[in-house]
């Protein structure tokens, strides 16, 4: 599997609204994302993937 580095997508508006409903005062992880942005990028993981083959999912994005 190969990795084609991509930008980390922003948090969807609906996800942010649900998170704020669940944690009206926020929480540690929400604060970290707000203050620091994305902690990891695809470029940090690119050397772990083969340069050829089927494209892999980005390690920074959760896929159900």
PDB file of N, CA and C in Angstrom:
ATOM      1  N   UNK A   1       0.842  -1.169   0.000  1.00  0.00           N
ATOM      2  CA  UNK A   1       0.000   0.000   0.000  1.00  0.00           C
ATOM      3  C   UNK A   1       0.887   1.232   0.000  1.00  0.00           C
ATOM      4  N   UNK A   2       0.474   2.243  -0.725  1.00  0.00           N
ATOM      5  CA  UNK A   2       1.234   3.485  -0.770  1.00  0.00           C
ATOM      6  C   UNK A   2       0.410   4.614  -0.170  1.00  0.00           C
ATOM      7  N   UNK A   3       1.087   5.619   0.282  1.00  0.00           N
ATOM      8  CA  UNK A   3       0.423   6.761   0.909  1.00  0.00           C
ATOM      9  C   UNK A   3       0.663   7.994   0.069  1.00  0.00           C
ATOM     10  N   UNK A   4      -0.417   8.632  -0.338  1.00  0.00           N
ATOM     11  CA  UNK A   4      -0.336   9.899  -1.049  1.00  0.00           C
ATOM     12  C   UNK A   4      -0.662  10.982  -0.020  1.00  0.00           C
ATOM     13  N   UNK A   5       0.350  11.696   0.480  1.00  0.00           N
ATOM     14  CA  UNK A   5       0.105  12.681   1.537  1.00  0.00           C
ATOM     15  C   UNK A   5      -0.968  13.704   1.154  1.00  0.00           C
ATOM     16  N   UNK A   6      -1.843  13.975   2.102  1.00  0.00           N
ATOM     17  CA  UNK A   6      -2.930  14.927   1.924  1.00  0.00           C
ATOM     18  C   UNK A   6      -2.977  15.844   3.135  1.00  0.00           C
ATOM     19  N   UNK A   7      -3.614  16.976   2.959  1.00  0.00           N
ATOM     20  CA  UNK A   7      -3.830  17.891   4.081  1.00  0.00           C
ATOM     21  C   UNK A   7      -4.830  17.273   5.051  1.00  0.00           C
ATOM     22  N   UNK A   8      -4.684  17.574   6.334  1.00  0.00           N
ATOM     23  CA  UNK A   8      -5.637  17.105   7.334  1.00  0.00           C
ATOM     24  C   UNK A   8      -6.913  17.922   7.165  1.00  0.00           C
ATOM     25  N   UNK A   9      -8.049  17.247   6.961  1.00  0.00           N
ATOM     26  CA  UNK A   9      -9.290  17.996   6.754  1.00  0.00           C
ATOM     27  C   UNK A   9      -9.748  18.675   8.043  1.00  0.00           C
ATOM     28  N   UNK A  10     -10.482  19.768   7.929  1.00  0.00           N
ATOM     29  CA  UNK A  10     -10.995  20.423   9.136  1.00  0.00           C
ATOM     30  C   UNK A  10     -12.083  19.563   9.791  1.00  0.00           C
ATOM     31  N   UNK A  11     -12.352  19.836  11.046  1.00  0.00           N
ATOM     32  CA  UNK A  11     -13.417  19.132  11.755  1.00  0.00           C
ATOM     33  C   UNK A  11     -14.750  19.578  11.146  1.00  0.00           C
ATOM     34  N   UNK A  12     -15.586  18.617  10.723  1.00  0.00           N
ATOM     35  CA  UNK A  12     -16.889  18.997  10.146  1.00  0.00           C
ATOM     36  C   UNK A  12     -17.731  19.793  11.146  1.00  0.00           C
ATOM     37  N   UNK A  13     -18.529  20.727  10.632  1.00  0.00           N
ATOM     38  CA  UNK A  13     -19.355  21.590  11.496  1.00  0.00           C
ATOM     39  C   UNK A  13     -20.278  20.786  12.397  1.00  0.00           C
ATOM     40  N   UNK A  14     -20.897  19.730  11.856  1.00  0.00           N
ATOM     41  CA  UNK A  14     -21.824  18.928  12.652  1.00  0.00           C
ATOM     42  C   UNK A  14     -21.078  18.199  13.775  1.00  0.00           C
ATOM     43  N   UNK A  15     -19.887  17.716  13.505  1.00  0.00           N
ATOM     44  CA  UNK A  15     -19.080  17.051  14.528  1.00  0.00           C
ATOM     45  C   UNK A  15     -18.713  18.036  15.629  1.00  0.00           C
ATOM     46  N   UNK A  16     -18.326  19.241  15.253  1.00  0.00           N
ATOM     47  CA  UNK A  16     -17.988  20.267  16.243  1.00  0.00           C
ATOM     48  C   UNK A  16     -19.203  20.617  17.099  1.00  0.00           C
ATOM     49  N   UNK A  17     -20.373  20.707  16.477  1.00  0.00           N
ATOM     50  CA  UNK A  17     -21.595  21.034  17.221  1.00  0.00           C
ATOM     51  C   UNK A  17     -21.945  19.932  18.219  1.00  0.00           C
ATOM     52  N   UNK A  18     -21.816  18.679  17.805  1.00  0.00           N
ATOM     53  CA  UNK A  18     -22.098  17.557  18.710  1.00  0.00           C
ATOM     54  C   UNK A  18     -21.093  17.552  19.862  1.00  0.00           C
ATOM     55  N   UNK A  19     -19.820  17.789  19.565  1.00  0.00           N
ATOM     56  CA  UNK A  19     -18.794  17.814  20.608  1.00  0.00           C
ATOM     57  C   UNK A  19     -19.063  18.927  21.613  1.00  0.00           C
ATOM     58  N   UNK A  20     -19.459  20.093  21.124  1.00  0.00           N
ATOM     59  CA  UNK A  20     -19.765  21.198  22.034  1.00  0.00           C
ATOM     60  C   UNK A  20     -21.013  20.929  22.857  1.00  0.00           C
ATOM     61  N   UNK A  21     -21.971  20.190  22.285  1.00  0.00           N
ATOM     62  CA  UNK A  21     -23.169  19.813  23.047  1.00  0.00           C
ATOM     63  C   UNK A  21     -22.811  18.822  24.152  1.00  0.00           C
ATOM     64  N   UNK A  22     -21.929  17.888  23.822  1.00  0.00           N
ATOM     65  CA  UNK A  22     -21.536  16.874  24.799  1.00  0.00           C
ATOM     66  C   UNK A  22     -20.614  17.447  25.873  1.00  0.00           C
ATOM     67  N   UNK A  23     -19.775  18.399  25.488  1.00  0.00           N
ATOM     68  CA  UNK A  23     -18.808  18.997  26.408  1.00  0.00           C
ATOM     69  C   UNK A  23     -18.897  20.520  26.311  1.00  0.00           C
ATOM     70  N   UNK A  24     -19.920  21.129  26.924  1.00  0.00           N
ATOM     71  CA  UNK A  24     -20.107  22.579  26.787  1.00  0.00           C
ATOM     72  C   UNK A  24     -18.916  23.408  27.272  1.00  0.00           C
ATOM     73  N   UNK A  25     -18.167  22.900  28.240  1.00  0.00           N
ATOM     74  CA  UNK A  25     -16.981  23.612  28.718  1.00  0.00           C
ATOM     75  C   UNK A  25     -15.718  23.120  28.032  1.00  0.00           C
ATOM     76  N   UNK A  26     -15.892  22.255  27.022  1.00  0.00           N
ATOM     77  CA  UNK A  26     -14.741  21.704  26.317  1.00  0.00           C
ATOM     78  C   UNK A  26     -14.104  20.573  27.094  1.00  0.00           C
ATOM     79  N   UNK A  27     -13.033  20.030  26.568  1.00  0.00           N
ATOM     80  CA  UNK A  27     -12.245  19.023  27.262  1.00  0.00           C
ATOM     81  C   UNK A  27     -10.809  19.122  26.767  1.00  0.00           C
ATOM     82  N   UNK A  28      -9.931  18.346  27.332  1.00  0.00           N
ATOM     83  CA  UNK A  28      -8.513  18.432  27.010  1.00  0.00           C
ATOM     84  C   UNK A  28      -8.247  18.245  25.522  1.00  0.00           C
ATOM     85  N   UNK A  29      -8.877  17.264  24.903  1.00  0.00           N
ATOM     86  CA  UNK A  29      -8.608  16.961  23.499  1.00  0.00           C
ATOM     87  C   UNK A  29      -9.136  18.040  22.558  1.00  0.00           C
ATOM     88  N   UNK A  30     -10.287  18.593  22.882  1.00  0.00           N
ATOM     89  CA  UNK A  30     -10.823  19.686  22.070  1.00  0.00           C
ATOM     90  C   UNK A  30      -9.921  20.915  22.186  1.00  0.00           C
ATOM     91  N   UNK A  31      -9.438  21.185  23.391  1.00  0.00           N
ATOM     92  CA  UNK A  31      -8.549  22.321  23.606  1.00  0.00           C
ATOM     93  C   UNK A  31      -7.240  22.128  22.863  1.00  0.00           C
ATOM     94  N   UNK A  32      -6.692  20.909  22.903  1.00  0.00           N
ATOM     95  CA  UNK A  32      -5.451  20.629  22.185  1.00  0.00           C
ATOM     96  C   UNK A  32      -5.623  20.883  20.694  1.00  0.00           C
ATOM     97  N   UNK A  33      -6.711  20.403  20.105  1.00  0.00           N
ATOM     98  CA  UNK A  33      -6.942  20.605  18.667  1.00  0.00           C
ATOM     99  C   UNK A  33      -7.113  22.094  18.362  1.00  0.00           C
ATOM    100  N   UNK A  34      -7.845  22.802  19.210  1.00  0.00           N
ATOM    101  CA  UNK A  34      -8.061  24.234  18.984  1.00  0.00           C
ATOM    102  C   UNK A  34      -6.760  25.029  19.084  1.00  0.00           C
ATOM    103  N   UNK A  35      -5.936  24.697  20.057  1.00  0.00           N
ATOM    104  CA  UNK A  35      -4.707  25.457  20.288  1.00  0.00           C
ATOM    105  C   UNK A  35      -3.559  25.038  19.381  1.00  0.00           C
ATOM    106  N   UNK A  36      -3.401  23.743  19.166  1.00  0.00           N
ATOM    107  CA  UNK A  36      -2.241  23.236  18.440  1.00  0.00           C
ATOM    108  C   UNK A  36      -2.531  22.860  16.984  1.00  0.00           C
ATOM    109  N   UNK A  37      -3.786  22.706  16.649  1.00  0.00           N
ATOM    110  CA  UNK A  37      -4.120  22.232  15.307  1.00  0.00           C
ATOM    111  C   UNK A  37      -3.844  20.736  15.225  1.00  0.00           C
ATOM    112  N   UNK A  38      -3.571  20.262  14.060  1.00  0.00           N
ATOM    113  CA  UNK A  38      -3.282  18.853  13.864  1.00  0.00           C
ATOM    114  C   UNK A  38      -1.881  18.539  14.391  1.00  0.00           C
ATOM    115  N   UNK A  39      -1.764  17.467  15.155  1.00  0.00           N
ATOM    116  CA  UNK A  39      -0.462  17.107  15.726  1.00  0.00           C
ATOM    117  C   UNK A  39       0.392  16.299  14.757  1.00  0.00           C
ATOM    118  N   UNK A  40      -0.232  15.585  13.851  1.00  0.00           N
ATOM    119  CA  UNK A  40       0.495  14.741  12.913  1.00  0.00           C
ATOM    120  C   UNK A  40       0.072  15.060  11.493  1.00  0.00           C
ATOM    121  N   UNK A  41       0.958  14.804  10.560  1.00  0.00           N
ATOM    122  CA  UNK A  41       0.627  14.978   9.150  1.00  0.00           C
ATOM    123  C   UNK A  41       0.992  13.699   8.412  1.00  0.00           C
ATOM    124  N   UNK A  42       0.447  13.528   7.224  1.00  0.00           N
ATOM    125  CA  UNK A  42       0.759  12.349   6.422  1.00  0.00           C
ATOM    126  C   UNK A  42       2.249  12.263   6.106  1.00  0.00           C
ATOM    127  N   UNK A  43       2.905  13.401   5.940  1.00  0.00           N
ATOM    128  CA  UNK A  43       4.326  13.399   5.615  1.00  0.00           C
ATOM    129  C   UNK A  43       5.149  12.683   6.695  1.00  0.00           C
ATOM    130  N   UNK A  44       4.698  12.746   7.939  1.00  0.00           N
ATOM    131  CA  UNK A  44       5.419  12.095   9.027  1.00  0.00           C
ATOM    132  C   UNK A  44       5.372  10.573   8.904  1.00  0.00           C
ATOM    133  N   UNK A  45       4.371  10.047   8.201  1.00  0.00           N
ATOM    134  CA  UNK A  45       4.198   8.610   8.081  1.00  0.00           C
ATOM    135  C   UNK A  45       4.551   8.069   6.695  1.00  0.00           C
ATOM    136  N   UNK A  46       4.831   8.937   5.748  1.00  0.00           N
ATOM    137  CA  UNK A  46       5.028   8.518   4.361  1.00  0.00           C
ATOM    138  C   UNK A  46       6.153   7.500   4.194  1.00  0.00           C
ATOM    139  N   UNK A  47       7.213   7.612   4.979  1.00  0.00           N
ATOM    140  CA  UNK A  47       8.339   6.677   4.830  1.00  0.00           C
ATOM    141  C   UNK A  47       7.981   5.265   5.298  1.00  0.00           C
ATOM    142  N   UNK A  48       6.884   5.096   6.010  1.00  0.00           N
ATOM    143  CA  UNK A  48       6.463   3.778   6.478  1.00  0.00           C
ATOM    144  C   UNK A  48       5.706   2.993   5.410  1.00  0.00           C
ATOM    145  N   UNK A  49       5.364   3.639   4.312  1.00  0.00           N
ATOM    146  CA  UNK A  49       4.579   3.023   3.245  1.00  0.00           C
ATOM    147  C   UNK A  49       5.431   2.796   2.004  1.00  0.00           C
ATOM    148  N   UNK A  50       5.067   1.795   1.246  1.00  0.00           N
ATOM    149  CA  UNK A  50       5.735   1.516  -0.022  1.00  0.00           C
ATOM    150  C   UNK A  50       5.444   2.646  -1.002  1.00  0.00           C
ATOM    151  N   UNK A  51       6.370   2.957  -1.903  1.00  0.00           N
ATOM    152  CA  UNK A  51       6.108   4.005  -2.890  1.00  0.00           C
ATOM    153  C   UNK A  51       5.151   3.558  -4.000  1.00  0.00           C
ATOM    154  N   UNK A  52       4.861   2.275  -4.094  1.00  0.00           N
ATOM    155  CA  UNK A  52       3.941   1.762  -5.115  1.00  0.00           C
ATOM    156  C   UNK A  52       2.882   0.888  -4.458  1.00  0.00           C
ATOM    157  N   UNK A  53       1.815   0.683  -5.174  1.00  0.00           N
ATOM    158  CA  UNK A  53       0.763  -0.197  -4.679  1.00  0.00           C
ATOM    159  C   UNK A  53      -0.554   0.536  -4.516  1.00  0.00           C
ATOM    160  N   UNK A  54      -1.502  -0.171  -3.953  1.00  0.00           N
ATOM    161  CA  UNK A  54      -2.836   0.384  -3.733  1.00  0.00           C
ATOM    162  C   UNK A  54      -2.752   1.530  -2.733  1.00  0.00           C
ATOM    163  N   UNK A  55      -3.461   2.628  -2.985  1.00  0.00           N
ATOM    164  CA  UNK A  55      -3.432   3.752  -2.034  1.00  0.00           C
ATOM    165  C   UNK A  55      -3.979   3.346  -0.664  1.00  0.00           C
ATOM    166  N   UNK A  56      -3.354   3.837   0.365  1.00  0.00           N
ATOM    167  CA  UNK A  56      -3.769   3.557   1.745  1.00  0.00           C
ATOM    168  C   UNK A  56      -4.593   4.722   2.280  1.00  0.00           C
ATOM    169  N   UNK A  57      -5.376   4.454   3.319  1.00  0.00           N
ATOM    170  CA  UNK A  57      -6.070   5.527   4.014  1.00  0.00           C
ATOM    171  C   UNK A  57      -5.048   6.343   4.785  1.00  0.00           C
ATOM    172  N   UNK A  58      -5.297   7.611   4.915  1.00  0.00           N
ATOM    173  CA  UNK A  58      -4.425   8.485   5.688  1.00  0.00           C
ATOM    174  C   UNK A  58      -4.447   8.055   7.147  1.00  0.00           C
ATOM    175  N   UNK A  59      -3.288   7.947   7.821  1.00  0.00           N
ATOM    176  CA  UNK A  59      -3.281   7.548   9.227  1.00  0.00           C
ATOM    177  C   UNK A  59      -3.869   8.602  10.159  1.00  0.00           C
ATOM    178  N   UNK A  60      -4.028   9.828   9.690  1.00  0.00           N
ATOM    179  CA  UNK A  60      -4.563  10.873  10.568  1.00  0.00           C
ATOM    180  C   UNK A  60      -6.077  10.971  10.499  1.00  0.00           C
ATOM    181  N   UNK A  61      -6.714  10.188   9.652  1.00  0.00           N
ATOM    182  CA  UNK A  61      -8.169  10.247   9.493  1.00  0.00           C
ATOM    183  C   UNK A  61      -8.765   8.918   9.893  1.00  0.00           C
ATOM    184  N   UNK A  62      -9.752   8.951  10.740  1.00  0.00           N
ATOM    185  CA  UNK A  62     -10.431   7.736  11.184  1.00  0.00           C
ATOM    186  C   UNK A  62     -11.455   7.334  10.141  1.00  0.00           C
ATOM    187  N   UNK A  63     -11.412   6.089   9.695  1.00  0.00           N
ATOM    188  CA  UNK A  63     -12.374   5.575   8.727  1.00  0.00           C
ATOM    189  C   UNK A  63     -13.131   4.425   9.370  1.00  0.00           C
ATOM    190  N   UNK A  64     -14.450   4.503   9.367  1.00  0.00           N
ATOM    191  CA  UNK A  64     -15.281   3.449   9.959  1.00  0.00           C
ATOM    192  C   UNK A  64     -15.422   2.316   9.006  1.00  0.00           C
TER     193      UNK A  64
END
